């Protein structure tokens, strides 16, 4: 059966001389793998398979959702003019797409998460300044939609953050905790409420927070080990 839906491209791999297989998060069906033939030599088509491209797709879906579905058409829903021409923005998109590809291992649709990712992409595309923290804010507030948002109970008694328990605990706690300085920095981040919140971060602080968030994801959501775009992201923002 041929079906049409709004979708977000997460990650694409070459399949043959002319074909690609794309991991795509769709509004109606959640995460899935799709193959499309005859696109690798078509630059305008390949542009639609860049990470976090907002697209509309038509596909022939298999009965088994774990199988690879066949794309019959794809077109931009939002043309990413600024993302594709800005190295920093395109690297952020590459990184977030790779993380999301780890997060969404099963085909399960979630309208709130789909809209949240769309909002992030639109902000990344439109922002002229102050976009260097967007990926940090995105990863943090995605945890709320995934049901594992950290508890910000930071106070004089609870001064270090426990990754395992997802909350601040006394400094003499034995379980794995962040340092005092990293915990205080993380508490600052937890005070933000949404993607558009302004938080003033130096480059070193941004790297520390990204490391904390990825460790948090490792414990509660998915493995973030060997994400290839992470080193590129660090280099771009040095």
C-alpha atoms as a PDB file:
ATOM      1  CA  UNK A   1       0.000   0.000   0.000  1.00  0.00           C
ATOM      2  CA  UNK A   2       1.305   3.447  -0.964  1.00  0.00           C
ATOM      3  CA  UNK A   3       1.223   5.965   1.877  1.00  0.00           C
ATOM      4  CA  UNK A   4       2.194   9.634   2.251  1.00  0.00           C
ATOM      5  CA  UNK A   5       3.456  11.301   5.431  1.00  0.00           C
ATOM      6  CA  UNK A   6       5.575  14.155   6.769  1.00  0.00           C
ATOM      7  CA  UNK A   7       9.019  12.953   7.744  1.00  0.00           C
ATOM      8  CA  UNK A   8      12.467  13.858   9.074  1.00  0.00           C
ATOM      9  CA  UNK A   9      15.610  12.286   7.629  1.00  0.00           C
ATOM     10  CA  UNK A  10      17.970  11.121  10.388  1.00  0.00           C
ATOM     11  CA  UNK A  11      20.780   9.270   8.662  1.00  0.00           C
ATOM     12  CA  UNK A  12      21.560   8.043   5.153  1.00  0.00           C
ATOM     13  CA  UNK A  13      23.930   5.361   3.856  1.00  0.00           C
ATOM     14  CA  UNK A  14      24.970   4.463   0.326  1.00  0.00           C
ATOM     15  CA  UNK A  15      23.468   1.177  -0.856  1.00  0.00           C
ATOM     16  CA  UNK A  16      24.624   0.866  -4.447  1.00  0.00           C
ATOM     17  CA  UNK A  17      25.913   3.074  -7.231  1.00  0.00           C
ATOM     18  CA  UNK A  18      22.492   4.665  -7.571  1.00  0.00           C
ATOM     19  CA  UNK A  19      20.568   3.921  -4.362  1.00  0.00           C
ATOM     20  CA  UNK A  20      20.496   4.992  -0.721  1.00  0.00           C
ATOM     21  CA  UNK A  21      18.971   3.595   2.448  1.00  0.00           C
ATOM     22  CA  UNK A  22      17.706   6.282   4.801  1.00  0.00           C
ATOM     23  CA  UNK A  23      16.642   6.078   8.426  1.00  0.00           C
ATOM     24  CA  UNK A  24      13.618   8.356   8.572  1.00  0.00           C
ATOM     25  CA  UNK A  25      11.367   9.410  11.442  1.00  0.00           C
ATOM     26  CA  UNK A  26       7.817   9.877  10.166  1.00  0.00           C
ATOM     27  CA  UNK A  27       4.831  11.595  11.705  1.00  0.00           C
ATOM     28  CA  UNK A  28       2.503   8.627  11.191  1.00  0.00           C
ATOM     29  CA  UNK A  29       4.745   5.597  11.694  1.00  0.00           C
ATOM     30  CA  UNK A  30       7.752   6.695  13.727  1.00  0.00           C
ATOM     31  CA  UNK A  31      11.205   5.411  12.842  1.00  0.00           C
ATOM     32  CA  UNK A  32      11.860   3.231   9.819  1.00  0.00           C
ATOM     33  CA  UNK A  33      14.324   2.345   7.067  1.00  0.00           C
ATOM     34  CA  UNK A  34      13.602   3.317   3.475  1.00  0.00           C
ATOM     35  CA  UNK A  35      15.359   2.591   0.209  1.00  0.00           C
ATOM     36  CA  UNK A  36      15.217   4.815  -2.863  1.00  0.00           C
ATOM     37  CA  UNK A  37      16.775   4.004  -6.206  1.00  0.00           C
ATOM     38  CA  UNK A  38      18.245   6.294  -8.844  1.00  0.00           C
ATOM     39  CA  UNK A  39      19.033   9.219  -6.550  1.00  0.00           C
ATOM     40  CA  UNK A  40      22.801   9.225  -5.947  1.00  0.00           C
ATOM     41  CA  UNK A  41      23.552  10.902  -9.275  1.00  0.00           C
ATOM     42  CA  UNK A  42      20.745  13.429  -8.776  1.00  0.00           C
ATOM     43  CA  UNK A  43      22.150  16.267  -6.629  1.00  0.00           C
ATOM     44  CA  UNK A  44      18.766  17.872  -6.002  1.00  0.00           C
ATOM     45  CA  UNK A  45      17.372  14.564  -4.754  1.00  0.00           C
ATOM     46  CA  UNK A  46      20.407  13.791  -2.620  1.00  0.00           C
ATOM     47  CA  UNK A  47      20.034  17.176  -0.925  1.00  0.00           C
ATOM     48  CA  UNK A  48      16.784  15.894   0.556  1.00  0.00           C
ATOM     49  CA  UNK A  49      18.613  13.042   2.279  1.00  0.00           C
ATOM     50  CA  UNK A  50      20.846  15.311   4.369  1.00  0.00           C
ATOM     51  CA  UNK A  51      20.496  14.930   8.171  1.00  0.00           C
ATOM     52  CA  UNK A  52      17.351  16.534   9.655  1.00  0.00           C
ATOM     53  CA  UNK A  53      15.836  17.375   6.274  1.00  0.00           C
ATOM     54  CA  UNK A  54      12.117  18.067   6.725  1.00  0.00           C
ATOM     55  CA  UNK A  55      10.414  16.252   3.873  1.00  0.00           C
ATOM     56  CA  UNK A  56       7.193  14.751   2.612  1.00  0.00           C
ATOM     57  CA  UNK A  57       7.531  11.155   1.473  1.00  0.00           C
ATOM     58  CA  UNK A  58       5.420   8.618  -0.341  1.00  0.00           C
ATOM     59  CA  UNK A  59       6.349   4.994   0.237  1.00  0.00           C
ATOM     60  CA  UNK A  60       5.355   1.421  -0.370  1.00  0.00           C
ATOM     61  CA  UNK A  61       5.301   0.050   3.163  1.00  0.00           C
ATOM     62  CA  UNK A  62       5.913  -3.577   4.053  1.00  0.00           C
ATOM     63  CA  UNK A  63       3.611  -5.348   6.494  1.00  0.00           C
ATOM     64  CA  UNK A  64       6.582  -6.001   8.766  1.00  0.00           C
ATOM     65  CA  UNK A  65       7.647  -2.550  10.087  1.00  0.00           C
ATOM     66  CA  UNK A  66      11.209  -3.790  10.689  1.00  0.00           C
ATOM     67  CA  UNK A  67      11.745  -4.383   6.972  1.00  0.00           C
ATOM     68  CA  UNK A  68      13.087  -1.792   4.553  1.00  0.00           C
ATOM     69  CA  UNK A  69      10.283   0.140   2.881  1.00  0.00           C
ATOM     70  CA  UNK A  70      10.561   1.579  -0.635  1.00  0.00           C
ATOM     71  CA  UNK A  71      10.349   5.327  -1.202  1.00  0.00           C
ATOM     72  CA  UNK A  72       8.485   6.303  -4.346  1.00  0.00           C
ATOM     73  CA  UNK A  73       8.759  10.075  -3.897  1.00  0.00           C
ATOM     74  CA  UNK A  74      10.402  12.660  -1.651  1.00  0.00           C
ATOM     75  CA  UNK A  75      10.205  16.450  -1.582  1.00  0.00           C
ATOM     76  CA  UNK A  76      11.271  19.222   0.774  1.00  0.00           C
ATOM     77  CA  UNK A  77       8.770  20.481   3.317  1.00  0.00           C
ATOM     78  CA  UNK A  78      11.303  23.116   4.406  1.00  0.00           C
ATOM     79  CA  UNK A  79      14.249  23.950   2.164  1.00  0.00           C
ATOM     80  CA  UNK A  80      17.292  24.182   4.513  1.00  0.00           C
ATOM     81  CA  UNK A  81      19.069  27.059   2.796  1.00  0.00           C
ATOM     82  CA  UNK A  82      20.989  28.252   5.865  1.00  0.00           C
ATOM     83  CA  UNK A  83      21.656  24.824   7.357  1.00  0.00           C
ATOM     84  CA  UNK A  84      23.158  23.467   4.157  1.00  0.00           C
ATOM     85  CA  UNK A  85      25.353  26.540   3.571  1.00  0.00           C
ATOM     86  CA  UNK A  86      26.571  27.018   7.159  1.00  0.00           C
ATOM     87  CA  UNK A  87      29.234  24.571   8.365  1.00  0.00           C
ATOM     88  CA  UNK A  88      28.350  24.958  12.048  1.00  0.00           C
ATOM     89  CA  UNK A  89      24.627  24.474  11.461  1.00  0.00           C
ATOM     90  CA  UNK A  90      25.091  21.497   9.129  1.00  0.00           C
ATOM     91  CA  UNK A  91      27.410  19.876  11.686  1.00  0.00           C
ATOM     92  CA  UNK A  92      24.816  20.348  14.434  1.00  0.00           C
ATOM     93  CA  UNK A  93      22.226  18.734  12.145  1.00  0.00           C
ATOM     94  CA  UNK A  94      24.600  15.845  11.396  1.00  0.00           C
ATOM     95  CA  UNK A  95      25.253  15.284  15.095  1.00  0.00           C
ATOM     96  CA  UNK A  96      21.630  15.462  16.236  1.00  0.00           C
ATOM     97  CA  UNK A  97      20.555  13.209  13.373  1.00  0.00           C
ATOM     98  CA  UNK A  98      23.108  10.619  14.453  1.00  0.00           C
ATOM     99  CA  UNK A  99      22.003  10.790  18.096  1.00  0.00           C
ATOM    100  CA  UNK A 100      18.324  10.476  17.150  1.00  0.00           C
ATOM    101  CA  UNK A 101      19.140   7.475  15.002  1.00  0.00           C
ATOM    102  CA  UNK A 102      20.394   5.814  18.205  1.00  0.00           C
ATOM    103  CA  UNK A 103      17.392   6.981  20.261  1.00  0.00           C
ATOM    104  CA  UNK A 104      14.758   5.673  17.844  1.00  0.00           C
ATOM    105  CA  UNK A 105      15.591   1.987  17.580  1.00  0.00           C
ATOM    106  CA  UNK A 106      11.988   0.821  17.271  1.00  0.00           C
ATOM    107  CA  UNK A 107       9.182   1.949  15.012  1.00  0.00           C
ATOM    108  CA  UNK A 108       6.963   3.941  17.330  1.00  0.00           C
ATOM    109  CA  UNK A 109       5.336   7.234  16.433  1.00  0.00           C
ATOM    110  CA  UNK A 110       5.152  10.120  18.887  1.00  0.00           C
ATOM    111  CA  UNK A 111       3.525  13.297  17.615  1.00  0.00           C
ATOM    112  CA  UNK A 112       5.012  15.486  20.369  1.00  0.00           C
ATOM    113  CA  UNK A 113       8.555  14.306  19.622  1.00  0.00           C
ATOM    114  CA  UNK A 114       8.000  14.754  15.878  1.00  0.00           C
ATOM    115  CA  UNK A 115       6.819  18.337  16.367  1.00  0.00           C
ATOM    116  CA  UNK A 116       9.684  19.014  18.790  1.00  0.00           C
ATOM    117  CA  UNK A 117      12.278  17.956  16.211  1.00  0.00           C
ATOM    118  CA  UNK A 118      10.562  20.058  13.536  1.00  0.00           C
ATOM    119  CA  UNK A 119      10.659  23.074  15.854  1.00  0.00           C
ATOM    120  CA  UNK A 120      14.360  22.521  16.475  1.00  0.00           C
ATOM    121  CA  UNK A 121      15.144  22.282  12.750  1.00  0.00           C
ATOM    122  CA  UNK A 122      13.147  25.440  12.009  1.00  0.00           C
ATOM    123  CA  UNK A 123      15.013  27.319  14.766  1.00  0.00           C
ATOM    124  CA  UNK A 124      18.355  26.074  13.490  1.00  0.00           C
ATOM    125  CA  UNK A 125      17.457  27.208   9.981  1.00  0.00           C
ATOM    126  CA  UNK A 126      16.155  30.641  11.002  1.00  0.00           C
ATOM    127  CA  UNK A 127      18.601  31.638  13.773  1.00  0.00           C
ATOM    128  CA  UNK A 128      21.188  34.159  12.664  1.00  0.00           C
ATOM    129  CA  UNK A 129      23.013  34.211  16.001  1.00  0.00           C
ATOM    130  CA  UNK A 130      22.897  32.324  19.306  1.00  0.00           C
ATOM    131  CA  UNK A 131      22.474  28.886  17.741  1.00  0.00           C
ATOM    132  CA  UNK A 132      25.670  27.375  19.172  1.00  0.00           C
ATOM    133  CA  UNK A 133      23.799  26.097  22.246  1.00  0.00           C
ATOM    134  CA  UNK A 134      20.767  24.736  20.395  1.00  0.00           C
ATOM    135  CA  UNK A 135      21.984  21.131  20.309  1.00  0.00           C
ATOM    136  CA  UNK A 136      22.638  21.264  24.084  1.00  0.00           C
ATOM    137  CA  UNK A 137      19.131  22.555  24.811  1.00  0.00           C
ATOM    138  CA  UNK A 138      17.626  20.079  22.344  1.00  0.00           C
ATOM    139  CA  UNK A 139      19.223  17.047  23.979  1.00  0.00           C
ATOM    140  CA  UNK A 140      18.208  18.190  27.452  1.00  0.00           C
ATOM    141  CA  UNK A 141      14.551  18.894  26.708  1.00  0.00           C
ATOM    142  CA  UNK A 142      14.164  15.777  24.559  1.00  0.00           C
ATOM    143  CA  UNK A 143      14.649  13.797  27.776  1.00  0.00           C
ATOM    144  CA  UNK A 144      11.398  15.288  29.066  1.00  0.00           C
ATOM    145  CA  UNK A 145       9.491  13.882  26.092  1.00  0.00           C
ATOM    146  CA  UNK A 146      11.235  10.547  26.608  1.00  0.00           C
ATOM    147  CA  UNK A 147      10.165  10.500  30.271  1.00  0.00           C
ATOM    148  CA  UNK A 148      13.612  10.752  31.870  1.00  0.00           C
ATOM    149  CA  UNK A 149      14.100  14.470  32.535  1.00  0.00           C
ATOM    150  CA  UNK A 150      16.647  15.094  35.333  1.00  0.00           C
ATOM    151  CA  UNK A 151      15.313  16.342  38.655  1.00  0.00           C
ATOM    152  CA  UNK A 152      16.662  19.800  39.453  1.00  0.00           C
ATOM    153  CA  UNK A 153      16.740  19.541  43.232  1.00  0.00           C
ATOM    154  CA  UNK A 154      20.083  21.361  43.491  1.00  0.00           C
ATOM    155  CA  UNK A 155      20.482  23.057  46.901  1.00  0.00           C
ATOM    156  CA  UNK A 156      22.908  23.419  49.795  1.00  0.00           C
ATOM    157  CA  UNK A 157      22.477  19.788  50.831  1.00  0.00           C
ATOM    158  CA  UNK A 158      22.275  18.201  47.374  1.00  0.00           C
ATOM    159  CA  UNK A 159      25.295  19.615  45.564  1.00  0.00           C
ATOM    160  CA  UNK A 160      26.440  16.881  43.165  1.00  0.00           C
ATOM    161  CA  UNK A 161      24.447  15.288  40.360  1.00  0.00           C
ATOM    162  CA  UNK A 162      23.978  11.524  40.250  1.00  0.00           C
ATOM    163  CA  UNK A 163      23.724  10.254  36.662  1.00  0.00           C
ATOM    164  CA  UNK A 164      22.219   6.985  37.846  1.00  0.00           C
ATOM    165  CA  UNK A 165      19.508   8.506  40.053  1.00  0.00           C
ATOM    166  CA  UNK A 166      18.906  11.505  37.753  1.00  0.00           C
ATOM    167  CA  UNK A 167      18.963  13.989  40.609  1.00  0.00           C
ATOM    168  CA  UNK A 168      21.291  15.929  42.885  1.00  0.00           C
ATOM    169  CA  UNK A 169      22.546  14.152  45.979  1.00  0.00           C
ATOM    170  CA  UNK A 170      24.825  15.006  48.962  1.00  0.00           C
ATOM    171  CA  UNK A 171      28.501  15.312  48.144  1.00  0.00           C
ATOM    172  CA  UNK A 172      29.447  12.291  50.266  1.00  0.00           C
ATOM    173  CA  UNK A 173      27.233   9.923  48.240  1.00  0.00           C
ATOM    174  CA  UNK A 174      29.085   6.867  46.980  1.00  0.00           C
ATOM    175  CA  UNK A 175      27.335   6.368  43.650  1.00  0.00           C
ATOM    176  CA  UNK A 176      28.784   7.843  40.451  1.00  0.00           C
ATOM    177  CA  UNK A 177      28.333  11.592  40.554  1.00  0.00           C
ATOM    178  CA  UNK A 178      29.547  14.637  38.676  1.00  0.00           C
ATOM    179  CA  UNK A 179      32.116  16.976  40.190  1.00  0.00           C
ATOM    180  CA  UNK A 180      30.953  19.994  42.156  1.00  0.00           C
ATOM    181  CA  UNK A 181      31.731  22.377  39.298  1.00  0.00           C
ATOM    182  CA  UNK A 182      30.093  20.181  36.643  1.00  0.00           C
ATOM    183  CA  UNK A 183      27.034  19.731  38.887  1.00  0.00           C
ATOM    184  CA  UNK A 184      26.646  23.489  39.344  1.00  0.00           C
ATOM    185  CA  UNK A 185      26.971  24.007  35.593  1.00  0.00           C
ATOM    186  CA  UNK A 186      24.374  21.297  34.907  1.00  0.00           C
ATOM    187  CA  UNK A 187      22.014  22.906  37.439  1.00  0.00           C
ATOM    188  CA  UNK A 188      22.232  26.125  35.392  1.00  0.00           C
ATOM    189  CA  UNK A 189      21.229  24.249  32.263  1.00  0.00           C
ATOM    190  CA  UNK A 190      18.295  22.608  34.058  1.00  0.00           C
ATOM    191  CA  UNK A 191      16.848  26.046  34.760  1.00  0.00           C
ATOM    192  CA  UNK A 192      16.082  26.494  31.048  1.00  0.00           C
ATOM    193  CA  UNK A 193      12.537  25.736  29.959  1.00  0.00           C
ATOM    194  CA  UNK A 194      12.658  25.529  26.186  1.00  0.00           C
ATOM    195  CA  UNK A 195      14.785  25.680  23.055  1.00  0.00           C
ATOM    196  CA  UNK A 196      14.574  29.453  22.782  1.00  0.00           C
ATOM    197  CA  UNK A 197      15.923  30.113  26.279  1.00  0.00           C
ATOM    198  CA  UNK A 198      19.150  32.092  26.312  1.00  0.00           C
ATOM    199  CA  UNK A 199      22.015  30.603  28.302  1.00  0.00           C
ATOM    200  CA  UNK A 200      25.451  32.200  28.189  1.00  0.00           C
ATOM    201  CA  UNK A 201      28.077  29.480  27.766  1.00  0.00           C
ATOM    202  CA  UNK A 202      31.775  29.587  27.056  1.00  0.00           C
ATOM    203  CA  UNK A 203      33.119  26.982  24.661  1.00  0.00           C
ATOM    204  CA  UNK A 204      34.645  24.920  27.478  1.00  0.00           C
ATOM    205  CA  UNK A 205      31.311  24.911  29.358  1.00  0.00           C
ATOM    206  CA  UNK A 206      29.485  23.851  26.207  1.00  0.00           C
ATOM    207  CA  UNK A 207      31.816  20.895  25.779  1.00  0.00           C
ATOM    208  CA  UNK A 208      31.405  19.918  29.438  1.00  0.00           C
ATOM    209  CA  UNK A 209      27.606  20.025  29.211  1.00  0.00           C
ATOM    210  CA  UNK A 210      27.587  18.003  26.004  1.00  0.00           C
ATOM    211  CA  UNK A 211      29.733  15.363  27.664  1.00  0.00           C
ATOM    212  CA  UNK A 212      27.400  15.275  30.687  1.00  0.00           C
ATOM    213  CA  UNK A 213      24.307  14.920  28.515  1.00  0.00           C
ATOM    214  CA  UNK A 214      25.809  12.108  26.454  1.00  0.00           C
ATOM    215  CA  UNK A 215      26.772  10.263  29.630  1.00  0.00           C
ATOM    216  CA  UNK A 216      23.201  10.784  30.863  1.00  0.00           C
ATOM    217  CA  UNK A 217      21.845   9.361  27.605  1.00  0.00           C
ATOM    218  CA  UNK A 218      24.157   6.364  27.998  1.00  0.00           C
ATOM    219  CA  UNK A 219      22.613   5.593  31.383  1.00  0.00           C
ATOM    220  CA  UNK A 220      18.932   6.272  30.645  1.00  0.00           C
ATOM    221  CA  UNK A 221      18.216   6.245  26.902  1.00  0.00           C
ATOM    222  CA  UNK A 222      20.737   4.714  24.504  1.00  0.00           C
ATOM    223  CA  UNK A 223      24.431   4.238  23.878  1.00  0.00           C
ATOM    224  CA  UNK A 224      26.129   7.301  22.434  1.00  0.00           C
ATOM    225  CA  UNK A 225      29.507   5.626  22.097  1.00  0.00           C
ATOM    226  CA  UNK A 226      31.379   6.046  18.802  1.00  0.00           C
ATOM    227  CA  UNK A 227      29.155   8.782  17.410  1.00  0.00           C
ATOM    228  CA  UNK A 228      31.268   9.755  14.420  1.00  0.00           C
ATOM    229  CA  UNK A 229      30.106  13.371  14.158  1.00  0.00           C
ATOM    230  CA  UNK A 230      30.985  14.227  17.775  1.00  0.00           C
ATOM    231  CA  UNK A 231      34.637  15.023  17.040  1.00  0.00           C
ATOM    232  CA  UNK A 232      33.625  17.099  14.017  1.00  0.00           C
ATOM    233  CA  UNK A 233      31.211  19.055  16.206  1.00  0.00           C
ATOM    234  CA  UNK A 234      33.954  19.746  18.765  1.00  0.00           C
ATOM    235  CA  UNK A 235      36.337  20.917  16.052  1.00  0.00           C
ATOM    236  CA  UNK A 236      33.779  23.253  14.475  1.00  0.00           C
ATOM    237  CA  UNK A 237      33.064  25.007  17.778  1.00  0.00           C
ATOM    238  CA  UNK A 238      36.671  25.288  18.961  1.00  0.00           C
END
